[in-house]
Amino acid sequence: MLAPDANDPEATVLELDELWSFVLKKANKAWIWIALCRKTRQVVAYAIGHCSTDFWAAYQAVIPEEQHTAVGKETGETAHVECWNNTLRQRLARFVRKTLSFSKSLVMHDVCLRLFLHCYNLERAAMLM
């Protein structure tokens, strides 16, 4: 992953969003939170949990209030992370909502996501160099 340029304020702007998939059966939803660097389009952090948090205080628990601005999809401010969500769903069948492919365990779900993130970030870094 590329280190952000400390002199470029755009290099530290993150887009955060979540998407859901399921593990073993549709009743077992797994929520995935993604933090994407707007400038490099690299994923800088992720977490897997059990509920949705649009505009919720979970973001403010890890991001200071003066640095956090909650926006909706209609503003266009989350376009890159929404595009990333689509890329994930297109490349890994287990993250498609209506699919016959799914993870049988949360551990494998996490491992597949982590491997995808690693490859994706390497591709992005190669494109930026």
N, C-alpha and C. Protein backbone atom coordinates (compact mmCIF):
# COMPACT_ATOMS: atom_id res chain seq x y z
N MET A 1 0.84 -1.17 0.00
CA MET A 1 0.00 0.00 0.00
C MET A 1 0.89 1.24 0.00
N LEU A 2 0.45 2.25 -0.71
CA LEU A 2 1.20 3.49 -0.78
C LEU A 2 0.95 4.34 0.45
N ALA A 3 2.01 4.91 0.99
CA ALA A 3 1.88 5.81 2.14
C ALA A 3 1.31 7.13 1.66
N PRO A 4 0.41 7.74 2.44
CA PRO A 4 -0.16 9.04 2.01
C PRO A 4 0.88 10.14 2.08
N ASP A 5 0.77 11.09 1.17
CA ASP A 5 1.64 12.25 1.14
C ASP A 5 1.16 13.23 2.21
N ALA A 6 2.00 13.48 3.21
CA ALA A 6 1.62 14.34 4.33
C ALA A 6 1.32 15.77 3.90
N ASN A 7 1.88 16.21 2.77
CA ASN A 7 1.66 17.58 2.27
C ASN A 7 0.40 17.70 1.42
N ASP A 8 -0.26 16.60 1.13
CA ASP A 8 -1.45 16.61 0.29
C ASP A 8 -2.67 16.28 1.13
N PRO A 9 -3.53 17.27 1.43
CA PRO A 9 -4.70 17.02 2.28
C PRO A 9 -5.68 16.02 1.65
N GLU A 10 -5.72 15.92 0.32
CA GLU A 10 -6.60 14.97 -0.35
C GLU A 10 -6.17 13.52 -0.10
N ALA A 11 -4.89 13.32 0.23
CA ALA A 11 -4.37 11.96 0.41
C ALA A 11 -4.88 11.29 1.67
N THR A 12 -5.47 12.06 2.57
CA THR A 12 -5.97 11.48 3.82
C THR A 12 -7.50 11.45 3.90
N VAL A 13 -8.17 11.75 2.80
CA VAL A 13 -9.63 11.68 2.78
C VAL A 13 -10.04 10.23 2.55
N LEU A 14 -10.86 9.71 3.47
CA LEU A 14 -11.32 8.33 3.38
C LEU A 14 -12.82 8.30 3.10
N GLU A 15 -13.23 7.31 2.34
CA GLU A 15 -14.65 7.03 2.13
C GLU A 15 -14.94 5.73 2.88
N LEU A 16 -15.96 5.76 3.74
CA LEU A 16 -16.32 4.58 4.52
C LEU A 16 -17.72 4.12 4.13
N ASP A 17 -17.87 2.82 4.06
CA ASP A 17 -19.17 2.26 3.72
C ASP A 17 -19.22 0.83 4.22
N GLU A 18 -20.42 0.26 4.18
CA GLU A 18 -20.55 -1.14 4.56
C GLU A 18 -21.37 -1.88 3.51
N LEU A 19 -21.18 -3.17 3.47
CA LEU A 19 -21.98 -4.04 2.63
C LEU A 19 -22.21 -5.32 3.40
N TRP A 20 -23.21 -6.07 3.00
CA TRP A 20 -23.47 -7.31 3.70
C TRP A 20 -23.35 -8.50 2.76
N SER A 21 -23.03 -9.61 3.33
CA SER A 21 -23.03 -10.89 2.64
C SER A 21 -23.52 -11.88 3.69
N PHE A 22 -23.40 -13.15 3.43
CA PHE A 22 -23.85 -14.10 4.44
C PHE A 22 -22.89 -15.27 4.53
N VAL A 23 -22.94 -15.95 5.66
CA VAL A 23 -22.09 -17.11 5.93
C VAL A 23 -22.99 -18.30 6.22
N LEU A 24 -22.82 -19.36 5.47
CA LEU A 24 -23.54 -20.63 5.59
C LEU A 24 -25.00 -20.56 5.15
N LYS A 25 -25.75 -19.57 5.63
CA LYS A 25 -27.15 -19.41 5.20
C LYS A 25 -27.51 -17.93 5.27
N LYS A 26 -28.56 -17.56 4.56
CA LYS A 26 -28.91 -16.14 4.45
C LYS A 26 -29.29 -15.50 5.77
N ALA A 27 -29.68 -16.31 6.74
CA ALA A 27 -30.01 -15.77 8.06
C ALA A 27 -28.77 -15.28 8.80
N ASN A 28 -27.59 -15.73 8.41
CA ASN A 28 -26.33 -15.35 9.07
C ASN A 28 -25.65 -14.24 8.27
N LYS A 29 -26.17 -13.03 8.37
CA LYS A 29 -25.56 -11.91 7.65
C LYS A 29 -24.23 -11.53 8.28
N ALA A 30 -23.27 -11.22 7.41
CA ALA A 30 -21.97 -10.71 7.85
C ALA A 30 -21.81 -9.33 7.22
N TRP A 31 -21.70 -8.31 8.05
CA TRP A 31 -21.51 -6.94 7.57
C TRP A 31 -20.04 -6.65 7.46
N ILE A 32 -19.64 -6.03 6.38
CA ILE A 32 -18.24 -5.69 6.13
C ILE A 32 -18.15 -4.17 6.02
N TRP A 33 -17.31 -3.57 6.84
CA TRP A 33 -17.07 -2.13 6.79
C TRP A 33 -15.74 -1.91 6.09
N ILE A 34 -15.72 -0.95 5.17
CA ILE A 34 -14.54 -0.67 4.36
C ILE A 34 -14.17 0.80 4.50
N ALA A 35 -12.87 1.07 4.62
CA ALA A 35 -12.34 2.43 4.58
C ALA A 35 -11.42 2.51 3.36
N LEU A 36 -11.80 3.34 2.39
CA LEU A 36 -11.09 3.44 1.12
C LEU A 36 -10.48 4.83 0.99
N CYS A 37 -9.20 4.90 0.64
CA CYS A 37 -8.54 6.18 0.40
C CYS A 37 -9.06 6.75 -0.91
N ARG A 38 -9.62 7.94 -0.87
CA ARG A 38 -10.21 8.52 -2.08
C ARG A 38 -9.17 8.75 -3.17
N LYS A 39 -7.96 9.13 -2.80
CA LYS A 39 -6.94 9.46 -3.80
C LYS A 39 -6.33 8.21 -4.45
N THR A 40 -5.91 7.24 -3.65
CA THR A 40 -5.22 6.06 -4.19
C THR A 40 -6.18 4.93 -4.52
N ARG A 41 -7.41 4.98 -4.01
CA ARG A 41 -8.43 3.94 -4.17
C ARG A 41 -8.01 2.63 -3.51
N GLN A 42 -7.10 2.71 -2.56
CA GLN A 42 -6.69 1.51 -1.82
C GLN A 42 -7.51 1.38 -0.55
N VAL A 43 -7.76 0.15 -0.15
CA VAL A 43 -8.49 -0.11 1.09
C VAL A 43 -7.48 -0.01 2.23
N VAL A 44 -7.74 0.89 3.17
CA VAL A 44 -6.80 1.10 4.27
C VAL A 44 -7.22 0.37 5.54
N ALA A 45 -8.50 -0.02 5.62
CA ALA A 45 -8.98 -0.76 6.80
C ALA A 45 -10.29 -1.46 6.46
N TYR A 46 -10.55 -2.53 7.20
CA TYR A 46 -11.83 -3.21 7.07
C TYR A 46 -12.17 -3.89 8.38
N ALA A 47 -13.43 -4.21 8.55
CA ALA A 47 -13.89 -4.96 9.73
C ALA A 47 -15.10 -5.78 9.32
N ILE A 48 -15.29 -6.89 9.97
CA ILE A 48 -16.45 -7.75 9.73
C ILE A 48 -17.25 -7.80 11.03
N GLY A 49 -18.57 -7.59 10.93
CA GLY A 49 -19.42 -7.59 12.11
C GLY A 49 -20.81 -8.11 11.81
N HIS A 50 -21.77 -7.74 12.67
CA HIS A 50 -23.10 -8.33 12.59
C HIS A 50 -24.25 -7.36 12.37
N CYS A 51 -23.99 -6.06 12.16
CA CYS A 51 -25.13 -5.16 11.92
C CYS A 51 -24.70 -3.97 11.09
N SER A 52 -25.66 -3.28 10.51
CA SER A 52 -25.41 -2.11 9.66
C SER A 52 -25.24 -0.87 10.52
N THR A 53 -24.49 0.14 9.98
CA THR A 53 -24.23 1.34 10.76
C THR A 53 -24.33 2.63 9.97
N ASP A 54 -25.09 2.71 8.90
CA ASP A 54 -25.17 3.97 8.15
C ASP A 54 -25.46 5.13 9.10
N PHE A 55 -24.62 6.17 9.05
CA PHE A 55 -24.74 7.36 9.89
C PHE A 55 -24.72 7.03 11.38
N TRP A 56 -24.16 5.95 11.78
CA TRP A 56 -24.22 5.50 13.16
C TRP A 56 -22.97 5.95 13.92
N ALA A 57 -23.00 5.88 15.23
CA ALA A 57 -21.90 6.37 16.08
C ALA A 57 -20.66 5.49 16.03
N ALA A 58 -20.74 4.31 15.41
CA ALA A 58 -19.56 3.43 15.34
C ALA A 58 -18.41 4.12 14.60
N TYR A 59 -18.73 4.87 13.56
CA TYR A 59 -17.68 5.59 12.84
C TYR A 59 -17.05 6.64 13.75
N GLN A 60 -17.87 7.32 14.53
CA GLN A 60 -17.34 8.37 15.40
C GLN A 60 -16.54 7.80 16.56
N ALA A 61 -16.69 6.51 16.85
CA ALA A 61 -15.89 5.88 17.90
C ALA A 61 -14.43 5.75 17.49
N VAL A 62 -14.17 5.67 16.17
CA VAL A 62 -12.79 5.50 15.70
C VAL A 62 -12.27 6.71 14.94
N ILE A 63 -13.17 7.63 14.57
CA ILE A 63 -12.77 8.84 13.86
C ILE A 63 -13.22 10.04 14.68
N PRO A 64 -12.30 10.93 15.02
CA PRO A 64 -12.68 12.11 15.81
C PRO A 64 -13.79 12.91 15.11
N GLU A 65 -14.68 13.48 15.91
CA GLU A 65 -15.85 14.18 15.37
C GLU A 65 -15.48 15.30 14.40
N GLU A 66 -14.38 16.02 14.67
CA GLU A 66 -14.00 17.13 13.79
C GLU A 66 -13.47 16.63 12.44
N GLN A 67 -13.13 15.35 12.35
CA GLN A 67 -12.64 14.79 11.08
C GLN A 67 -13.70 13.95 10.36
N HIS A 68 -14.85 13.71 10.99
CA HIS A 68 -15.88 12.85 10.42
C HIS A 68 -17.03 13.68 9.86
N THR A 69 -17.38 13.41 8.61
CA THR A 69 -18.54 14.05 8.00
C THR A 69 -19.43 12.96 7.41
N ALA A 70 -20.61 12.79 7.96
CA ALA A 70 -21.54 11.78 7.46
C ALA A 70 -22.27 12.33 6.24
N VAL A 71 -22.24 11.58 5.15
CA VAL A 71 -22.93 11.97 3.92
C VAL A 71 -23.70 10.78 3.38
N GLY A 72 -24.71 11.03 2.61
CA GLY A 72 -25.49 9.97 1.99
C GLY A 72 -24.98 9.67 0.59
N LYS A 73 -25.47 8.59 0.02
CA LYS A 73 -25.06 8.19 -1.33
C LYS A 73 -25.44 9.23 -2.37
N GLU A 74 -26.52 9.96 -2.12
CA GLU A 74 -27.00 10.94 -3.09
C GLU A 74 -26.03 12.10 -3.30
N THR A 75 -25.09 12.31 -2.37
CA THR A 75 -24.13 13.41 -2.50
C THR A 75 -23.01 13.10 -3.49
N GLY A 76 -22.79 11.83 -3.76
CA GLY A 76 -21.69 11.43 -4.65
C GLY A 76 -20.36 11.33 -3.94
N GLU A 77 -20.34 11.66 -2.64
CA GLU A 77 -19.09 11.63 -1.88
C GLU A 77 -18.60 10.20 -1.59
N THR A 78 -19.46 9.21 -1.79
CA THR A 78 -19.05 7.82 -1.53
C THR A 78 -18.99 7.01 -2.83
N ALA A 79 -18.87 7.68 -3.95
CA ALA A 79 -18.90 7.00 -5.25
C ALA A 79 -17.79 5.96 -5.39
N HIS A 80 -16.60 6.27 -4.90
CA HIS A 80 -15.48 5.35 -5.08
C HIS A 80 -15.64 4.09 -4.23
N VAL A 81 -16.08 4.24 -3.00
CA VAL A 81 -16.24 3.07 -2.15
C VAL A 81 -17.44 2.24 -2.62
N GLU A 82 -18.48 2.88 -3.14
CA GLU A 82 -19.61 2.13 -3.70
C GLU A 82 -19.16 1.33 -4.93
N CYS A 83 -18.31 1.94 -5.75
CA CYS A 83 -17.74 1.24 -6.90
C CYS A 83 -16.90 0.05 -6.45
N TRP A 84 -16.14 0.25 -5.36
CA TRP A 84 -15.33 -0.84 -4.82
C TRP A 84 -16.21 -1.99 -4.36
N ASN A 85 -17.34 -1.67 -3.72
CA ASN A 85 -18.28 -2.71 -3.30
C ASN A 85 -18.74 -3.54 -4.50
N ASN A 86 -19.02 -2.87 -5.61
CA ASN A 86 -19.42 -3.58 -6.83
C ASN A 86 -18.29 -4.45 -7.36
N THR A 87 -17.06 -3.93 -7.31
CA THR A 87 -15.90 -4.71 -7.76
C THR A 87 -15.76 -5.98 -6.93
N LEU A 88 -15.90 -5.85 -5.62
CA LEU A 88 -15.82 -7.02 -4.74
C LEU A 88 -16.88 -8.05 -5.13
N ARG A 89 -18.11 -7.60 -5.30
CA ARG A 89 -19.20 -8.52 -5.63
C ARG A 89 -19.02 -9.16 -7.01
N GLN A 90 -18.40 -8.45 -7.96
CA GLN A 90 -18.18 -9.01 -9.29
C GLN A 90 -17.05 -10.03 -9.30
N ARG A 91 -16.04 -9.82 -8.48
CA ARG A 91 -14.88 -10.71 -8.51
C ARG A 91 -14.99 -11.91 -7.57
N LEU A 92 -15.75 -11.79 -6.50
CA LEU A 92 -15.89 -12.90 -5.54
C LEU A 92 -17.37 -13.26 -5.39
N ALA A 93 -17.74 -14.42 -5.89
CA ALA A 93 -19.13 -14.85 -5.89
C ALA A 93 -19.71 -14.95 -4.48
N ARG A 94 -18.90 -15.25 -3.49
CA ARG A 94 -19.43 -15.41 -2.13
C ARG A 94 -19.96 -14.11 -1.55
N PHE A 95 -19.67 -12.97 -2.18
CA PHE A 95 -20.15 -11.67 -1.70
C PHE A 95 -21.35 -11.16 -2.48
N VAL A 96 -21.84 -11.92 -3.45
CA VAL A 96 -23.03 -11.57 -4.21
C VAL A 96 -24.25 -11.90 -3.35
N ARG A 97 -25.26 -11.05 -3.37
CA ARG A 97 -26.42 -11.25 -2.50
C ARG A 97 -27.23 -12.48 -2.87
N LYS A 98 -27.50 -12.66 -4.16
CA LYS A 98 -28.29 -13.82 -4.60
C LYS A 98 -27.35 -14.77 -5.32
N THR A 99 -26.81 -15.73 -4.60
CA THR A 99 -25.82 -16.63 -5.17
C THR A 99 -25.93 -18.01 -4.55
N LEU A 100 -25.35 -18.97 -5.23
CA LEU A 100 -25.23 -20.32 -4.68
C LEU A 100 -23.86 -20.52 -4.04
N SER A 101 -22.99 -19.54 -4.23
CA SER A 101 -21.65 -19.59 -3.63
C SER A 101 -21.67 -18.86 -2.30
N PHE A 102 -21.14 -19.45 -1.28
CA PHE A 102 -21.10 -18.79 0.02
C PHE A 102 -20.00 -19.40 0.86
N SER A 103 -19.61 -18.68 1.89
CA SER A 103 -18.61 -19.17 2.83
C SER A 103 -19.30 -20.07 3.84
N LYS A 104 -18.63 -21.14 4.21
CA LYS A 104 -19.20 -22.05 5.21
C LYS A 104 -18.81 -21.65 6.62
N SER A 105 -17.81 -20.77 6.74
CA SER A 105 -17.41 -20.31 8.06
C SER A 105 -16.98 -18.85 7.97
N LEU A 106 -17.11 -18.15 9.08
CA LEU A 106 -16.71 -16.74 9.12
C LEU A 106 -15.20 -16.60 8.94
N VAL A 107 -14.46 -17.60 9.39
CA VAL A 107 -12.99 -17.57 9.22
C VAL A 107 -12.64 -17.57 7.74
N MET A 108 -13.26 -18.46 6.95
CA MET A 108 -12.97 -18.50 5.52
C MET A 108 -13.47 -17.24 4.82
N HIS A 109 -14.57 -16.69 5.28
CA HIS A 109 -15.09 -15.44 4.73
C HIS A 109 -14.05 -14.33 4.91
N ASP A 110 -13.49 -14.25 6.09
CA ASP A 110 -12.46 -13.26 6.41
C ASP A 110 -11.20 -13.51 5.60
N VAL A 111 -10.77 -14.76 5.48
CA VAL A 111 -9.55 -15.09 4.74
C VAL A 111 -9.69 -14.72 3.26
N CYS A 112 -10.84 -15.04 2.67
CA CYS A 112 -11.07 -14.70 1.25
C CYS A 112 -11.08 -13.19 1.05
N LEU A 113 -11.72 -12.47 1.96
CA LEU A 113 -11.74 -11.01 1.86
C LEU A 113 -10.33 -10.44 2.01
N ARG A 114 -9.59 -10.95 2.97
CA ARG A 114 -8.22 -10.46 3.21
C ARG A 114 -7.33 -10.70 1.99
N LEU A 115 -7.45 -11.88 1.38
CA LEU A 115 -6.66 -12.19 0.19
C LEU A 115 -7.04 -11.27 -0.96
N PHE A 116 -8.34 -11.04 -1.14
CA PHE A 116 -8.79 -10.13 -2.19
C PHE A 116 -8.25 -8.72 -1.94
N LEU A 117 -8.33 -8.24 -0.69
CA LEU A 117 -7.83 -6.90 -0.36
C LEU A 117 -6.35 -6.77 -0.67
N HIS A 118 -5.58 -7.79 -0.33
CA HIS A 118 -4.14 -7.77 -0.58
C HIS A 118 -3.87 -7.65 -2.09
N CYS A 119 -4.52 -8.49 -2.89
CA CYS A 119 -4.32 -8.45 -4.34
C CYS A 119 -4.81 -7.14 -4.94
N TYR A 120 -5.97 -6.68 -4.48
CA TYR A 120 -6.53 -5.43 -4.98
C TYR A 120 -5.60 -4.25 -4.70
N ASN A 121 -5.10 -4.16 -3.47
CA ASN A 121 -4.21 -3.05 -3.12
C ASN A 121 -2.90 -3.11 -3.90
N LEU A 122 -2.39 -4.32 -4.18
CA LEU A 122 -1.18 -4.44 -5.00
C LEU A 122 -1.44 -3.96 -6.42
N GLU A 123 -2.59 -4.32 -6.98
CA GLU A 123 -2.96 -3.86 -8.33
C GLU A 123 -3.04 -2.33 -8.37
N ARG A 124 -3.69 -1.74 -7.37
CA ARG A 124 -3.83 -0.29 -7.32
C ARG A 124 -2.47 0.39 -7.19
N ALA A 125 -1.59 -0.16 -6.36
CA ALA A 125 -0.26 0.42 -6.17
C ALA A 125 0.53 0.38 -7.48
N ALA A 126 0.42 -0.74 -8.21
CA ALA A 126 1.13 -0.86 -9.49
C ALA A 126 0.60 0.15 -10.51
N MET A 127 -0.69 0.41 -10.49
CA MET A 127 -1.28 1.38 -11.42
C MET A 127 -0.84 2.80 -11.11
N LEU A 128 -0.58 3.08 -9.84
CA LEU A 128 -0.23 4.44 -9.43
C LEU A 128 1.25 4.76 -9.58
N MET A 129 2.05 3.75 -9.75
CA MET A 129 3.50 3.99 -9.85
C MET A 129 3.93 4.26 -11.26
